[in-house]
Amino acid sequence: KIGLTAIAASLASVSAHAVDLSVSGAASMSYTSNGNGGATTNNPWGMADTANFKASGELDNGWTVDFSLGLDGSKGAAASPFEDRTLAIGMGDMGTLTLNGEDGSSVTGAMDDKMPTAYEESWFLADGPGNGAGTNNMWNYSNSAVDGITLMASFTPAGAAELESSTEVGITYTGVEGLTIGLASGTDSGAGSAAEVDNTTMYMTYAYDAFTFGIQDNDSDSKTADADEEYRAYAISYAVNDDLSVSLGMSNLDYEGTSTTSDATQESTAISASYTMGSMSFGATRADTDNASGNENHDGAGYEINLAFAF
């Protein structure tokens, strides 16, 4: 018993030294008003809170293993309070393979809107561009072995939430100072082969001094009749100082078809601001939208004010 106890204590000691553990958290309160026509009136006050648990370690061959888990009190379902569950294996120059247990995003989904903003996207409180396939327990891969280039791929397995599996690929280039170019494409087969959607997204941002400029084009080509979408966005952000930033974004989301209640072009403009003071941050957005979600009768404006604390 003494020998076994000594061995167990030795293994525990090695594990404790080999693994880094950390816990962080955040909580926020917000006030949101949606004045778009047809919007549902709800309690404007909201709260979000998350505790993030992270662990990382290194294997004998030099590979790394990183685990993360978010405990979110606003998830709603008492049986499933977790979010952002990931297990990532870093394989050096061979890249990083990640299993997203929950809240994973495909490559095109991660690039759905990469425009610079101080707080929210231009289409805040309206319809956003297509975001690719996604489900629990999906795979992502990335490789940045070549300076200035990151290759990405995602695989969404078929299952209860996805009728067929989906694969997407992408690349980002940052080889020129201040410049970022991203391109991604893939087929979302989650609704079945008869309703497949081919998604393509490309964007470019350029940072010069305190300004960052951006332009983006997305295209969703659906096998479902009259269901194609095209998205174009422009944005500029300005860092007034290390703590204060402001931004202006504009976007058009064009729906295929001729219906005036589902296919009119959604036009959005939003101005945002953010301010950070230590562990406290303040964010605000005012968004004006015509033809929200493609309905010509749904014009209006919405805004949100958010106060967040990091721990």
Protein backbone atom coordinates (compact mmCIF):
# COMPACT_ATOMS: atom_id res chain seq x y z
CA LYS A 1 0.00 0.00 0.00
CA ILE A 2 2.87 2.34 0.83
CA GLY A 3 4.49 1.66 -2.56
CA LEU A 4 1.28 2.19 -4.51
CA THR A 5 0.56 5.38 -2.58
CA ALA A 6 4.02 6.71 -3.39
CA ILE A 7 3.62 5.93 -7.11
CA ALA A 8 0.19 7.57 -7.24
CA ALA A 9 1.52 10.67 -5.49
CA SER A 10 4.43 10.83 -7.94
CA LEU A 11 2.12 10.62 -10.99
CA ALA A 12 -0.18 13.27 -9.55
CA SER A 13 2.81 15.52 -8.99
CA VAL A 14 4.00 15.08 -12.59
CA SER A 15 0.51 15.81 -14.00
CA ALA A 16 0.14 18.92 -11.89
CA HIS A 17 3.45 20.32 -13.19
CA ALA A 18 2.71 19.34 -16.81
CA VAL A 19 -0.72 21.00 -17.07
CA ASP A 20 -1.58 24.69 -16.84
CA LEU A 21 -5.06 25.46 -15.49
CA SER A 22 -6.87 28.78 -15.60
CA VAL A 23 -10.33 30.13 -14.89
CA SER A 24 -11.69 33.44 -16.14
CA GLY A 25 -15.13 34.94 -16.22
CA ALA A 26 -17.27 37.73 -17.60
CA ALA A 27 -20.65 39.24 -16.85
CA SER A 28 -22.60 41.93 -18.66
CA MET A 29 -25.87 43.82 -18.60
CA SER A 30 -27.50 45.38 -21.64
CA TYR A 31 -30.45 47.44 -22.79
CA THR A 32 -31.72 46.66 -26.31
CA SER A 33 -34.45 48.41 -28.32
CA ASN A 34 -35.55 47.06 -31.72
CA GLY A 35 -37.63 49.49 -33.76
CA ASN A 36 -37.68 47.50 -37.02
CA GLY A 37 -41.19 46.94 -38.32
CA GLY A 38 -42.53 43.54 -37.33
CA ALA A 39 -40.09 43.14 -34.44
CA THR A 40 -41.40 41.47 -31.30
CA THR A 41 -41.48 43.68 -28.20
CA ASN A 42 -39.64 42.02 -25.31
CA ASN A 43 -38.13 43.04 -22.00
CA PRO A 44 -35.27 45.31 -23.16
CA TRP A 45 -33.00 44.40 -20.24
CA GLY A 46 -30.64 41.47 -20.63
CA MET A 47 -27.78 39.78 -18.81
CA ALA A 48 -25.00 37.45 -19.89
CA ASP A 49 -22.45 35.61 -17.77
CA THR A 50 -19.79 33.01 -18.50
CA ALA A 51 -17.09 31.22 -16.55
CA ASN A 52 -14.33 29.90 -18.82
CA PHE A 53 -12.18 26.95 -17.79
CA LYS A 54 -8.98 26.24 -19.74
CA ALA A 55 -6.30 23.59 -19.41
CA SER A 56 -3.19 23.07 -21.53
CA GLY A 57 -0.29 20.66 -21.49
CA GLU A 58 2.59 19.37 -23.59
CA LEU A 59 3.16 15.77 -24.68
CA ASP A 60 6.51 14.00 -24.77
CA ASN A 61 6.72 14.44 -28.57
CA GLY A 62 6.31 18.22 -28.32
CA TRP A 63 2.64 18.31 -29.31
CA THR A 64 0.27 20.37 -27.18
CA VAL A 65 -3.24 19.68 -25.93
CA ASP A 66 -5.64 22.51 -25.06
CA PHE A 67 -9.09 22.08 -23.53
CA SER A 68 -11.65 24.83 -22.99
CA LEU A 69 -15.12 24.86 -21.51
CA GLY A 70 -17.56 27.70 -20.92
CA LEU A 71 -20.23 27.62 -18.22
CA ASP A 72 -22.99 29.97 -19.35
CA GLY A 73 -25.81 30.88 -16.99
CA SER A 74 -27.92 32.30 -19.83
CA LYS A 75 -28.03 29.10 -21.92
CA GLY A 76 -31.50 28.39 -20.61
CA ALA A 77 -31.58 24.59 -20.47
CA ALA A 78 -30.56 23.46 -16.99
CA ALA A 79 -29.32 20.14 -18.39
CA SER A 80 -27.00 21.86 -20.87
CA PRO A 81 -25.39 24.93 -19.28
CA PHE A 82 -22.11 24.60 -21.21
CA GLU A 83 -20.80 26.34 -24.33
CA ASP A 84 -17.61 26.58 -26.39
CA ARG A 85 -16.39 23.10 -25.50
CA THR A 86 -13.21 22.42 -27.48
CA LEU A 87 -10.32 19.98 -27.46
CA ALA A 88 -7.39 21.08 -29.63
CA ILE A 89 -4.26 19.08 -30.50
CA GLY A 90 -1.33 21.21 -31.65
CA MET A 91 0.95 19.18 -33.94
CA GLY A 92 3.66 21.74 -34.63
CA ASP A 93 4.21 22.39 -38.34
CA MET A 94 1.45 19.87 -39.12
CA GLY A 95 -1.13 22.30 -37.77
CA THR A 96 -3.87 22.15 -35.14
CA LEU A 97 -6.81 19.73 -35.11
CA THR A 98 -9.80 20.77 -32.99
CA LEU A 99 -12.93 18.89 -31.97
CA ASN A 100 -15.69 21.40 -31.17
CA GLY A 101 -17.97 19.66 -28.71
CA GLU A 102 -20.43 22.55 -28.72
CA ASP A 103 -20.89 25.94 -30.44
CA GLY A 104 -18.43 25.10 -33.22
CA SER A 105 -18.27 27.14 -36.41
CA SER A 106 -17.40 26.12 -39.95
CA VAL A 107 -14.77 27.99 -41.97
CA THR A 108 -17.30 30.13 -43.87
CA GLY A 109 -19.26 30.62 -40.67
CA ALA A 110 -16.18 32.05 -38.95
CA MET A 111 -15.79 34.46 -41.90
CA ASP A 112 -19.45 35.45 -42.30
CA ASP A 113 -18.68 39.08 -41.37
CA LYS A 114 -15.08 40.15 -40.75
CA MET A 115 -15.62 43.87 -41.05
CA PRO A 116 -13.93 46.10 -38.45
CA THR A 117 -16.35 47.26 -35.77
CA ALA A 118 -16.16 48.75 -32.32
CA TYR A 119 -19.07 46.64 -31.07
CA GLU A 120 -21.72 45.12 -33.41
CA GLU A 121 -22.12 44.34 -37.12
CA SER A 122 -23.88 46.66 -39.54
CA TRP A 123 -26.92 44.32 -39.71
CA PHE A 124 -27.45 44.30 -35.93
CA LEU A 125 -31.05 43.23 -35.06
CA ALA A 126 -31.69 42.30 -38.71
CA ASP A 127 -30.84 39.34 -40.96
CA GLY A 128 -27.20 38.36 -41.35
CA PRO A 129 -25.32 36.61 -44.18
CA GLY A 130 -25.28 32.81 -44.50
CA ASN A 131 -22.91 31.19 -42.05
CA GLY A 132 -22.25 27.68 -43.35
CA ALA A 133 -22.73 24.31 -41.68
CA GLY A 134 -22.39 23.73 -37.98
CA THR A 135 -23.29 21.22 -35.27
CA ASN A 136 -22.00 19.76 -32.04
CA ASN A 137 -18.90 17.53 -32.24
CA MET A 138 -17.59 18.94 -35.50
CA TRP A 139 -13.96 19.17 -36.64
CA ASN A 140 -11.76 22.14 -37.52
CA TYR A 141 -8.18 22.22 -38.80
CA SER A 142 -5.74 25.10 -39.22
CA ASN A 143 -2.12 25.39 -40.32
CA SER A 144 0.07 28.50 -40.11
CA ALA A 145 3.43 26.85 -40.86
CA VAL A 146 4.06 29.28 -43.73
CA ASP A 147 4.57 32.87 -42.57
CA GLY A 148 1.64 35.10 -43.45
CA ILE A 149 -0.62 32.26 -44.59
CA THR A 150 -3.19 30.28 -42.59
CA LEU A 151 -4.96 27.31 -44.16
CA MET A 152 -8.27 26.16 -42.66
CA ALA A 153 -10.74 23.32 -43.11
CA SER A 154 -13.88 22.17 -41.33
CA PHE A 155 -15.91 18.97 -41.38
CA THR A 156 -19.49 18.84 -40.10
CA PRO A 157 -20.59 15.18 -39.68
CA ALA A 158 -24.06 13.99 -40.57
CA GLY A 159 -26.34 13.33 -37.62
CA ALA A 160 -29.65 14.21 -36.04
CA ALA A 161 -29.17 17.93 -36.74
CA GLU A 162 -27.37 17.52 -40.10
CA LEU A 163 -28.91 15.28 -42.78
CA GLU A 164 -25.63 15.05 -44.69
CA SER A 165 -22.02 15.91 -43.86
CA SER A 166 -20.44 19.19 -45.01
CA THR A 167 -16.86 20.21 -45.79
CA GLU A 168 -15.44 23.73 -46.11
CA VAL A 169 -11.97 25.19 -46.74
CA GLY A 170 -10.43 28.64 -46.43
CA ILE A 171 -7.24 30.69 -46.41
CA THR A 172 -6.11 34.00 -44.90
CA TYR A 173 -3.11 36.07 -45.95
CA THR A 174 -1.35 38.55 -43.65
CA GLY A 175 2.02 38.82 -45.38
CA VAL A 176 1.79 42.59 -45.86
CA GLU A 177 1.80 44.79 -42.76
CA GLY A 178 -1.71 45.96 -41.93
CA LEU A 179 -3.35 43.89 -44.69
CA THR A 180 -5.56 40.83 -44.15
CA ILE A 181 -7.24 38.93 -46.99
CA GLY A 182 -9.57 36.00 -46.39
CA LEU A 183 -11.29 33.55 -48.72
CA ALA A 184 -13.48 30.55 -47.86
CA SER A 185 -15.92 28.26 -49.64
CA GLY A 186 -17.86 25.08 -49.04
CA THR A 187 -21.18 23.30 -49.39
CA ASP A 188 -23.69 23.21 -46.55
CA SER A 189 -25.53 19.89 -46.93
CA GLY A 190 -27.19 19.93 -43.53
CA ALA A 191 -30.69 20.24 -45.00
CA GLY A 192 -30.11 17.40 -47.48
CA SER A 193 -28.80 17.25 -51.04
CA ALA A 194 -31.98 18.76 -52.50
CA ALA A 195 -31.45 21.93 -50.46
CA GLU A 196 -27.64 22.22 -50.51
CA VAL A 197 -26.16 25.71 -50.27
CA ASP A 198 -22.79 26.58 -51.81
CA ASN A 199 -21.28 29.36 -49.66
CA THR A 200 -18.41 31.59 -50.71
CA THR A 201 -17.02 34.50 -48.73
CA MET A 202 -14.11 36.87 -49.31
CA TYR A 203 -12.97 39.91 -47.39
CA MET A 204 -10.13 42.39 -47.09
CA THR A 205 -9.18 44.67 -44.22
CA TYR A 206 -6.36 47.18 -44.05
CA ALA A 207 -5.10 48.91 -40.93
CA TYR A 208 -3.33 52.24 -41.36
CA ASP A 209 -2.35 54.22 -38.29
CA ALA A 210 -5.49 54.32 -36.09
CA PHE A 211 -7.87 53.49 -38.97
CA THR A 212 -9.00 50.07 -40.21
CA PHE A 213 -10.89 49.76 -43.51
CA GLY A 214 -12.81 46.72 -44.73
CA ILE A 215 -14.81 45.32 -47.64
CA GLN A 216 -16.53 41.94 -47.91
CA ASP A 217 -18.54 39.89 -50.43
CA ASN A 218 -20.51 36.72 -49.61
CA ASP A 219 -22.50 34.52 -51.98
CA SER A 220 -24.96 31.76 -51.06
CA ASP A 221 -26.12 29.62 -54.00
CA SER A 222 -28.98 27.35 -52.93
CA LYS A 223 -30.55 24.43 -54.78
CA THR A 224 -33.87 25.59 -53.31
CA ALA A 225 -35.69 27.79 -55.81
CA ASP A 226 -35.48 31.56 -55.24
CA ALA A 227 -33.32 31.14 -52.13
CA ASP A 228 -29.97 32.57 -53.26
CA GLU A 229 -28.42 35.46 -51.31
CA GLU A 230 -25.66 37.99 -52.01
CA TYR A 231 -24.04 40.09 -49.28
CA ARG A 232 -21.81 43.16 -49.63
CA ALA A 233 -20.41 45.13 -46.69
CA TYR A 234 -18.12 48.12 -46.09
CA ALA A 235 -16.78 49.39 -42.78
CA ILE A 236 -14.27 51.70 -41.16
CA SER A 237 -13.14 51.84 -37.55
CA TYR A 238 -11.02 54.40 -35.73
CA ALA A 239 -9.10 53.91 -32.49
CA VAL A 240 -9.30 57.30 -30.80
CA ASN A 241 -6.86 56.04 -28.17
CA ASP A 242 -5.98 52.77 -26.45
CA ASP A 243 -9.35 52.71 -24.70
CA LEU A 244 -11.87 54.31 -27.06
CA SER A 245 -12.88 53.11 -30.55
CA VAL A 246 -15.67 54.07 -32.96
CA SER A 247 -16.84 52.48 -36.22
CA LEU A 248 -19.24 52.89 -39.13
CA GLY A 249 -20.51 49.94 -41.16
CA MET A 250 -22.85 49.55 -44.13
CA SER A 251 -24.19 46.41 -45.82
CA ASN A 252 -26.67 45.14 -48.39
CA LEU A 253 -28.20 41.66 -48.27
CA ASP A 254 -29.86 40.85 -51.60
CA TYR A 255 -32.48 38.09 -51.73
CA GLU A 256 -33.33 36.22 -54.94
CA GLY A 257 -36.97 36.40 -56.06
CA THR A 258 -39.63 39.04 -56.57
CA SER A 259 -41.76 38.95 -53.40
CA THR A 260 -41.98 42.34 -51.70
CA THR A 261 -42.38 40.71 -48.28
CA SER A 262 -39.45 38.29 -48.46
CA ASP A 263 -37.08 39.31 -51.28
CA ALA A 264 -36.48 43.07 -51.06
CA THR A 265 -32.83 44.04 -50.55
CA GLN A 266 -32.02 44.60 -46.88
CA GLU A 267 -29.99 47.79 -46.42
CA SER A 268 -28.28 48.43 -43.09
CA THR A 269 -26.08 51.10 -41.54
CA ALA A 270 -24.68 50.99 -38.03
CA ILE A 271 -22.47 53.17 -35.88
CA SER A 272 -20.73 51.63 -32.87
CA ALA A 273 -18.51 52.71 -30.02
CA SER A 274 -16.58 50.94 -27.29
CA TYR A 275 -14.68 52.13 -24.25
CA THR A 276 -12.50 50.08 -21.91
CA MET A 277 -11.45 51.03 -18.40
CA GLY A 278 -9.52 48.28 -16.67
CA SER A 279 -11.73 45.20 -16.38
CA MET A 280 -14.85 47.17 -17.32
CA SER A 281 -15.94 47.80 -20.91
CA PHE A 282 -18.78 49.79 -22.43
CA GLY A 283 -20.23 49.13 -25.89
CA ALA A 284 -23.03 50.72 -27.87
CA THR A 285 -24.55 50.34 -31.36
CA ARG A 286 -27.22 52.21 -33.29
CA ALA A 287 -28.38 50.37 -36.45
CA ASP A 288 -30.78 51.63 -39.13
CA THR A 289 -32.27 49.06 -41.50
CA ASP A 290 -34.57 49.22 -44.52
CA ASN A 291 -36.40 46.05 -45.61
CA ALA A 292 -35.30 44.00 -42.61
CA SER A 293 -35.10 40.29 -43.56
CA GLY A 294 -36.20 41.28 -47.08
CA ASN A 295 -39.59 42.71 -46.10
CA GLU A 296 -40.25 46.18 -47.58
CA ASN A 297 -42.61 46.97 -44.71
CA HIS A 298 -39.96 46.40 -42.04
CA ASP A 299 -37.97 49.62 -41.79
CA GLY A 300 -36.66 51.13 -38.60
CA ALA A 301 -33.80 51.47 -36.16
CA GLY A 302 -32.53 49.62 -33.14
CA TYR A 303 -29.81 50.13 -30.57
CA GLU A 304 -28.04 48.41 -27.72
CA ILE A 305 -26.04 49.66 -24.74
CA ASN A 306 -23.88 47.10 -22.96
CA LEU A 307 -21.79 47.23 -19.78
CA ALA A 308 -19.43 44.28 -19.26
CA PHE A 309 -16.99 43.17 -16.57
CA ALA A 310 -14.13 40.71 -16.95
CA PHE A 311 -12.75 38.73 -14.03
